Protein backbone atom coordinates (compact mmCIF):
# COMPACT_ATOMS: atom_id res chain seq x y z
CA MET A 1 28.26 -49.28 -46.20
CA LEU A 2 29.71 -45.80 -45.50
CA ALA A 3 32.52 -44.92 -43.61
CA ARG A 4 31.57 -43.43 -39.74
CA LYS A 5 32.92 -39.80 -41.07
CA GLU A 6 30.86 -39.93 -44.39
CA TRP A 7 27.16 -41.09 -43.17
CA SER A 8 28.17 -38.05 -39.97
CA THR A 9 28.54 -35.79 -42.92
CA LEU A 10 25.17 -36.95 -44.66
CA THR A 11 23.12 -37.24 -41.57
CA LYS A 12 24.46 -33.60 -40.31
CA PHE A 13 23.52 -32.48 -44.38
CA ILE A 14 19.59 -34.57 -44.24
CA TYR A 15 19.23 -33.66 -40.53
CA PRO A 16 21.40 -30.86 -39.47
CA GLY A 17 21.20 -30.81 -35.45
CA ARG A 18 20.11 -34.16 -35.25
CA PHE A 19 22.34 -36.91 -34.52
CA ASN A 20 25.88 -37.59 -33.85
CA ARG A 21 28.28 -40.40 -35.00
CA ARG A 22 28.10 -42.54 -32.01
CA GLU A 23 24.77 -43.31 -32.38
CA PHE A 24 25.00 -44.93 -35.64
CA LEU A 25 27.58 -46.91 -34.78
CA LEU A 26 27.14 -50.81 -35.68
CA ALA A 27 26.08 -53.49 -32.68
CA GLY A 28 29.15 -55.18 -31.23
CA SER A 29 27.80 -58.44 -31.73
CA VAL A 30 25.02 -60.99 -33.45
CA ALA A 31 22.59 -61.26 -30.45
CA LEU A 32 21.03 -64.29 -29.82
CA VAL A 33 17.07 -64.17 -29.77
CA SER A 34 16.83 -66.28 -26.76
CA ARG A 35 18.63 -63.69 -25.13
CA PRO A 36 17.98 -60.34 -23.89
CA LEU A 37 19.52 -57.53 -26.41
CA LEU A 38 21.46 -55.12 -24.63
CA ALA A 39 21.74 -56.24 -21.41
CA GLY A 40 22.07 -53.93 -18.55
CA ALA A 41 19.93 -51.01 -20.42
CA ALA A 42 17.32 -49.01 -18.46
CA SER A 43 14.51 -50.51 -20.46
CA ALA A 44 15.33 -54.09 -21.53
CA PRO A 45 13.99 -55.45 -24.85
CA ARG A 46 11.92 -58.01 -25.12
CA SER A 47 12.22 -61.13 -27.10
CA LEU A 48 11.32 -61.89 -30.09
CA GLU A 49 10.54 -65.36 -30.37
CA THR A 50 7.18 -67.11 -31.37
CA PRO A 51 7.79 -70.71 -31.42
CA TYR A 52 4.22 -71.62 -30.94
CA LYS A 53 2.51 -72.04 -33.97
CA LEU A 54 -1.59 -72.11 -34.16
CA ASN A 55 -0.11 -74.92 -37.24
CA LYS A 56 -3.86 -73.97 -39.19
CA LEU A 57 -5.00 -71.02 -41.39
CA VAL A 58 -6.93 -68.26 -39.77
CA LEU A 59 -8.21 -67.05 -42.87
CA GLN A 60 -7.87 -68.59 -46.43
CA ALA A 61 -9.12 -68.24 -50.02
CA SER A 62 -12.71 -67.90 -50.64
CA GLY A 63 -12.43 -70.64 -53.52
CA GLU A 64 -15.02 -68.30 -55.61
CA ALA A 65 -14.47 -67.94 -59.25
CA GLY A 66 -15.12 -63.94 -59.61
CA THR A 67 -14.16 -63.11 -56.09
CA TYR A 68 -11.38 -61.28 -55.39
CA ASP A 69 -9.98 -63.47 -53.03
CA ALA A 70 -10.61 -66.76 -55.12
CA LEU A 71 -7.02 -67.83 -55.10
CA SER A 72 -5.02 -67.05 -52.22
CA VAL A 73 -4.82 -64.46 -49.37
CA ASP A 74 -1.16 -62.98 -48.62
CA CYS A 75 0.70 -60.42 -47.12
CA PRO A 76 -0.97 -60.00 -43.64
CA PHE A 77 -1.13 -56.53 -41.49
CA VAL A 78 -2.67 -56.76 -38.11
CA PHE A 79 -3.27 -53.60 -35.90
CA GLN A 80 -5.72 -52.48 -33.25
CA HIS A 81 -8.51 -50.10 -33.81
CA ASP A 82 -11.58 -49.17 -31.70
CA GLY A 83 -11.25 -52.20 -29.33
CA LEU A 84 -11.20 -54.49 -31.77
CA TRP A 85 -8.44 -56.24 -34.17
CA TYR A 86 -8.25 -56.00 -38.18
CA MET A 87 -5.68 -57.43 -40.82
CA THR A 88 -5.34 -56.31 -44.21
CA PHE A 89 -4.32 -59.13 -46.25
CA VAL A 90 -3.28 -58.90 -50.32
CA ALA A 91 -5.52 -61.24 -52.26
CA PHE A 92 -5.03 -62.87 -56.04
CA ASP A 93 -8.00 -63.78 -58.25
CA GLY A 94 -6.13 -65.06 -61.46
CA ILE A 95 -5.64 -61.34 -62.57
CA GLY A 96 -3.48 -59.23 -60.08
CA TYR A 97 -3.57 -58.42 -56.56
CA GLN A 98 -6.17 -56.28 -54.56
CA THR A 99 -6.73 -55.54 -50.82
CA GLY A 100 -8.61 -57.14 -48.35
CA LEU A 101 -9.68 -56.57 -44.96
CA ALA A 102 -10.74 -58.56 -41.72
CA SER A 103 -11.88 -58.00 -38.06
CA SER A 104 -11.24 -60.54 -35.06
CA ALA A 105 -11.94 -60.64 -31.47
CA ASP A 106 -9.55 -62.63 -30.25
CA LEU A 107 -6.52 -62.91 -33.07
CA VAL A 108 -7.71 -65.86 -34.06
CA ARG A 109 -11.17 -66.00 -35.17
CA TRP A 110 -11.10 -63.49 -38.56
CA THR A 111 -14.07 -62.71 -40.22
CA LYS A 112 -13.59 -60.92 -44.17
CA ILE A 113 -15.30 -57.64 -44.30
CA GLY A 114 -14.22 -57.21 -47.71
CA CYS A 115 -12.23 -55.82 -50.54
CA ILE A 116 -11.10 -52.10 -49.61
CA LEU A 117 -8.60 -51.13 -52.25
CA ARG A 118 -9.24 -52.77 -56.08
CA ARG A 119 -7.87 -52.04 -59.04
CA ASP A 120 -8.73 -49.28 -61.47
CA PRO A 121 -8.64 -49.65 -65.20
CA ALA A 122 -8.58 -45.89 -65.48
CA VAL A 123 -4.87 -45.90 -63.49
CA PRO A 124 -2.04 -47.08 -65.60
CA MET A 125 -0.15 -48.20 -62.64
CA LEU A 126 -3.40 -49.71 -60.97
CA ARG A 127 -4.99 -50.99 -63.35
CA TYR A 128 -4.01 -54.74 -62.35
CA ASN A 129 -2.73 -54.37 -58.55
CA ALA A 130 -3.34 -52.41 -55.42
CA ALA A 131 -1.58 -54.24 -52.25
CA LEU A 132 -2.28 -51.88 -49.59
CA ASN A 133 0.50 -53.77 -47.11
CA TRP A 134 1.27 -51.15 -44.14
CA ILE A 135 -1.07 -48.21 -42.14
CA MET A 136 1.45 -46.19 -39.67
CA ARG A 137 0.90 -47.73 -36.19
CA GLU A 138 2.26 -47.24 -33.26
CA ASN A 139 6.27 -48.11 -32.95
CA GLY A 140 6.34 -50.40 -29.88
CA LEU A 141 6.98 -53.77 -29.86
CA GLU A 142 5.29 -54.04 -26.89
CA SER A 143 2.29 -51.96 -28.79
CA PRO A 144 -0.99 -53.54 -29.82
CA GLY A 145 -0.70 -51.99 -33.17
CA ARG A 146 -2.79 -48.82 -32.58
CA LEU A 147 -2.63 -46.72 -35.84
CA LYS A 148 -1.58 -43.26 -35.56
CA ARG A 149 -3.20 -39.96 -37.72
CA VAL A 150 -1.27 -37.41 -39.84
CA HIS A 151 -3.26 -34.34 -39.78
CA GLY A 152 -6.33 -36.42 -38.88
CA LYS A 153 -6.15 -39.43 -41.72
CA PHE A 154 -4.77 -43.03 -41.37
CA VAL A 155 -1.28 -43.32 -43.93
CA GLY A 156 -0.85 -46.67 -46.00
CA ALA A 157 1.74 -47.63 -48.15
CA TYR A 158 0.66 -49.78 -50.84
CA HIS A 159 2.59 -51.37 -53.84
CA ALA A 160 1.43 -52.22 -57.57
CA TYR A 161 2.77 -54.42 -59.87
CA PRO A 162 2.43 -52.60 -64.13
CA ASN A 163 1.05 -55.66 -65.23
CA GLN A 164 -1.21 -58.72 -65.07
CA GLY A 165 -0.39 -62.18 -63.34
CA TYR A 166 1.01 -62.69 -60.35
CA GLU A 167 3.76 -59.92 -59.41
CA GLU A 168 4.03 -59.08 -63.05
CA GLY A 169 6.65 -56.09 -64.07
CA ALA A 170 8.56 -53.60 -61.95
CA ALA A 171 6.21 -52.35 -59.32
CA SER A 172 6.45 -48.90 -57.56
CA ILE A 173 5.93 -47.76 -54.22
CA GLY A 174 2.72 -45.23 -53.02
CA LEU A 175 0.71 -43.52 -50.20
CA ALA A 176 -2.54 -43.80 -49.20
CA TYR A 177 -4.82 -41.35 -47.31
CA SER A 178 -8.06 -42.46 -45.34
CA THR A 179 -10.35 -41.60 -42.61
CA ASP A 180 -12.47 -44.69 -41.89
CA LEU A 181 -10.13 -47.55 -42.70
CA HIS A 182 -12.99 -48.13 -45.86
CA HIS A 183 -12.28 -46.05 -48.46
CA TRP A 184 -8.79 -44.95 -49.64
CA THR A 185 -7.14 -42.43 -51.62
CA LEU A 186 -4.02 -43.77 -53.64
CA GLY A 187 -1.83 -40.71 -53.73
CA GLU A 188 0.84 -40.87 -57.15
CA PRO A 189 4.06 -43.03 -56.52
CA ALA A 190 6.87 -42.15 -53.70
CA LEU A 191 9.27 -44.58 -54.77
CA ARG A 192 9.98 -45.60 -58.28
CA PRO A 193 12.31 -48.79 -59.24
CA GLU A 194 13.90 -47.01 -62.54
CA ASN A 195 14.95 -43.92 -59.36
CA GLY A 196 16.85 -46.22 -57.26
CA ASP A 197 19.99 -48.07 -57.34
CA LEU A 198 20.54 -51.53 -59.74
CA TRP A 199 20.00 -53.42 -56.65
CA GLU A 200 15.87 -52.23 -57.40
CA HIS A 201 15.50 -51.93 -60.77
CA GLY A 202 13.55 -55.15 -61.01
CA GLY A 203 10.44 -53.86 -58.67
CA LEU A 204 9.95 -53.00 -55.30
CA TYR A 205 7.79 -54.92 -53.10
CA LYS A 206 5.66 -54.71 -49.60
CA PRO A 207 6.35 -51.21 -47.61
CA CYS A 208 6.54 -50.66 -44.00
CA LEU A 209 6.00 -46.64 -43.18
CA LEU A 210 7.03 -45.45 -39.90
CA GLU A 211 7.49 -41.93 -38.04
CA PHE A 212 9.87 -41.78 -35.64
CA ASN A 213 11.05 -38.49 -33.81
CA GLY A 214 9.20 -36.31 -36.42
CA ASP A 215 10.30 -38.10 -39.50
CA TYR A 216 8.91 -40.54 -42.04
CA TYR A 217 10.71 -44.05 -42.90
CA LEU A 218 9.63 -46.21 -45.55
CA PHE A 219 11.45 -49.18 -45.44
CA TYR A 220 10.91 -51.90 -48.61
CA ASN A 221 12.56 -54.75 -50.57
CA ALA A 222 13.33 -55.09 -54.34
CA LYS A 223 14.47 -57.17 -56.57
CA ASN A 224 17.56 -56.19 -59.01
CA ARG A 225 16.09 -57.69 -61.86
CA THR A 226 12.64 -58.81 -63.59
CA ASP A 227 13.65 -61.78 -65.37
CA SER A 228 14.59 -65.18 -63.51
CA ASP A 229 17.05 -65.68 -60.83
CA TRP A 230 16.48 -62.35 -59.21
CA ARG A 231 17.87 -61.30 -55.76
CA GLU A 232 15.41 -59.60 -53.38
CA GLN A 233 17.36 -57.01 -50.47
CA THR A 234 15.70 -54.34 -48.09
CA GLY A 235 16.12 -50.86 -47.80
CA VAL A 236 14.96 -47.53 -46.69
CA ALA A 237 13.98 -43.58 -47.99
CA ILE A 238 13.57 -41.10 -44.92
CA SER A 239 11.07 -38.03 -45.70
CA LYS A 240 10.12 -34.96 -43.33
CA ASP A 241 6.94 -34.04 -44.73
CA LEU A 242 5.64 -38.10 -46.63
CA LYS A 243 6.46 -36.38 -50.49
CA THR A 244 9.82 -35.82 -51.12
CA TRP A 245 12.02 -39.24 -50.08
CA LYS A 246 15.23 -39.42 -49.95
CA ARG A 247 16.77 -42.97 -49.96
CA TYR A 248 19.73 -44.17 -47.35
CA PRO A 249 22.88 -44.01 -49.06
CA GLY A 250 23.77 -47.23 -47.54
CA ASN A 251 21.21 -49.25 -49.22
CA PRO A 252 20.48 -51.94 -48.62
CA ILE A 253 20.21 -52.23 -44.92
CA ILE A 254 19.11 -55.82 -44.88
CA PRO A 255 21.32 -57.23 -47.63
CA ASN A 256 21.14 -60.98 -48.73
CA GLY A 257 23.35 -63.34 -46.33
CA GLY A 258 26.23 -65.62 -48.37
CA PHE A 259 26.50 -69.11 -49.47
CA GLY A 260 24.22 -71.33 -47.54
CA ALA A 261 22.50 -68.03 -45.53
CA PRO A 262 18.74 -68.53 -45.00
CA ASP A 263 18.55 -64.97 -46.47
CA SER A 264 21.22 -66.17 -49.53
CA ASN A 265 18.70 -64.85 -52.32
CA PHE A 266 15.75 -63.21 -50.47
CA ALA A 267 16.16 -60.60 -47.72
CA SER A 268 12.46 -59.37 -47.94
CA ASP A 269 8.58 -58.32 -46.38
CA PRO A 270 10.44 -56.05 -43.39
CA CYS A 271 8.16 -55.12 -40.27
CA VAL A 272 10.29 -52.74 -38.39
CA LEU A 273 9.27 -52.13 -34.53
CA GLN A 274 11.03 -50.16 -31.86
CA ASN A 275 12.30 -52.69 -28.74
CA GLY A 276 12.85 -51.11 -25.84
CA LYS A 277 16.46 -49.03 -27.23
CA GLU A 278 17.15 -51.44 -29.58
CA TRP A 279 14.79 -51.84 -33.53
CA ALA A 280 13.72 -54.77 -34.36
CA PHE A 281 13.59 -55.83 -38.22
CA PHE A 282 11.40 -58.74 -39.01
CA TYR A 283 11.90 -60.18 -42.33
CA PHE A 284 12.02 -63.38 -44.43
CA GLY A 285 14.71 -64.89 -46.41
CA LEU A 286 14.76 -67.38 -49.20
CA ASP A 287 17.68 -69.59 -49.22
CA ALA A 288 19.31 -71.15 -52.67
CA LYS A 289 16.75 -74.19 -52.00
CA GLY A 290 13.62 -72.20 -52.46
CA VAL A 291 12.67 -72.58 -48.44
CA ALA A 292 11.06 -69.37 -46.96
CA ARG A 293 11.07 -68.49 -43.80
CA ASP A 294 11.17 -65.87 -40.88
CA LEU A 295 14.03 -63.73 -40.10
CA ALA A 296 14.70 -60.89 -37.68
CA ALA A 297 17.95 -58.20 -36.73
CA THR A 298 18.00 -55.63 -34.39
CA GLY A 299 20.12 -52.08 -34.62
CA PRO A 300 20.58 -49.45 -32.52
CA ASP A 301 19.41 -47.43 -35.14
CA LEU A 302 17.02 -47.38 -38.22
CA PHE A 303 19.95 -48.46 -41.02
CA HIS A 304 22.66 -50.64 -39.15
CA VAL A 305 21.50 -54.10 -38.40
CA THR A 306 22.81 -57.35 -36.86
CA LYS A 307 21.20 -60.48 -38.21
CA LEU A 308 20.16 -62.81 -35.65
CA GLN A 309 21.42 -66.13 -35.65
CA HIS A 310 18.45 -68.54 -35.87
CA PRO A 311 14.92 -68.21 -37.59
CA LEU A 312 11.66 -67.09 -36.09
CA ILE A 313 9.49 -69.03 -38.15
CA ASP A 314 10.26 -72.27 -39.88
CA VAL A 315 8.40 -74.41 -42.43
CA GLY A 316 6.49 -77.34 -40.87
CA ALA A 317 6.48 -80.57 -41.76
CA PRO A 318 5.38 -82.05 -44.89
CA GLY A 319 1.30 -81.93 -44.70
CA SER A 320 1.76 -79.08 -42.73
CA VAL A 321 -0.56 -75.49 -43.69
CA ASP A 322 3.31 -73.83 -43.97
CA SER A 323 5.27 -76.74 -45.13
CA GLN A 324 6.27 -74.93 -48.49
CA TYR A 325 7.33 -71.51 -46.91
CA ALA A 326 6.28 -69.40 -43.63
CA HIS A 327 7.23 -66.08 -44.32
CA LYS A 328 5.90 -62.06 -44.59
CA PRO A 329 5.77 -61.05 -40.62
CA SER A 330 2.85 -58.85 -39.05
CA VAL A 331 3.81 -58.33 -35.57
CA VAL A 332 1.46 -57.27 -32.55
CA ALA A 333 1.00 -57.76 -28.47
CA HIS A 334 -1.34 -58.76 -26.96
CA LYS A 335 -1.71 -59.69 -22.89
CA GLY A 336 1.61 -60.13 -22.81
CA ASP A 337 2.12 -62.78 -25.90
CA LEU A 338 3.72 -61.19 -28.86
CA TYR A 339 1.96 -62.83 -32.35
CA HIS A 340 3.76 -63.40 -35.44
CA PHE A 341 0.70 -63.44 -38.19
CA TYR A 342 2.60 -64.79 -41.31
CA CYS A 343 2.12 -66.17 -44.81
CA ALA A 344 1.77 -70.29 -44.43
CA VAL A 345 1.79 -71.76 -47.85
CA GLY A 346 1.67 -75.60 -48.11
CA LYS A 347 0.13 -78.80 -50.82
CA SER A 348 -2.88 -80.25 -50.59
CA ASN A 349 -3.76 -82.78 -53.34
CA GLY A 350 -0.66 -81.66 -55.22
CA ARG A 351 -2.21 -77.90 -55.19
CA GLU A 352 -0.56 -74.71 -53.64
CA ILE A 353 -2.32 -73.49 -50.85
CA ARG A 354 -1.82 -69.97 -49.32
CA GLY A 355 -3.24 -68.88 -46.48
CA ILE A 356 -2.53 -66.80 -43.00
CA SER A 357 -1.26 -68.63 -39.81
CA VAL A 358 -0.29 -67.25 -36.68
CA ALA A 359 2.51 -68.25 -33.97
CA ARG A 360 2.93 -67.05 -30.50
CA SER A 361 5.38 -66.04 -27.35
CA ASN A 362 3.49 -68.61 -25.28
CA PRO A 363 2.13 -71.46 -25.77
CA TRP A 364 -2.00 -71.45 -26.95
CA ARG A 365 -3.79 -72.23 -24.06
């Protein structure tokens, strides 16, 4: 991590006149998610807790050979548009990832619309995979995730692996543009693993794209190697025009925890939202035992985080839909409730079942 003086000098270079040293100080203490954050602030942030699981899948694989979602669905991104709820999801058919879209009137009953981003054999980066993970939305935790446009277009962020199979090869991240959410034009990679530091040379994973005060922030997790026993951590890059990106020199901003921590191996899949005067960093951790669960951190800005002390979504009991993993968060608000969507992985007759489930801040009625 940079010293205060070093980072103050850096920010004046990148964003002259925008920041002062005080804005980048670390939070003073670890906050418990059950307490109000930033006590005494004019606009007190909301609790991040969503302890009430639905305990069933709201979206799952088709199970039909030859379909884009034959084997699994993963990585939800939920938002509201024109009065309806939508979810993009990443689907796996045994060859690679493609991206689907589903809709809902109540956040529980979902109907698949179809595949909106397919692989393209003519494009080397998209030959096997095309995973749209985020569309730029309102930043607020209190928001239903209404989308924002740039020059009349929706802006998405995708990642793609170069090889056939499940997450094979070192993936890159790019931006995508659409006017109708069904047809997307993909740009060249914005971030490549080989252009980053050693912690991301193994490939880049889920992007999270937001705009704040006229600048764009691209959060992503990355791994340090492509073979076995890799580690994943989360960093951020900044742009003024969605074209030229500068990685934050203090990356990773969400590093792995120490021995015995729930994120000792992975600190991944960021979902970054503004919570009052703070920022909330939802992400998932993988521990040394191979258990994946959704965690959170908070920070006074978009670069410095303090991890919260217990999981937001933990794995379920044997036989439950999330007995193996409960991870990869997407969070929206509706009628005073927070809805926390996540990838739930369980087992049935010895076979892994990977789908989407949800938990919320108040009991289900």
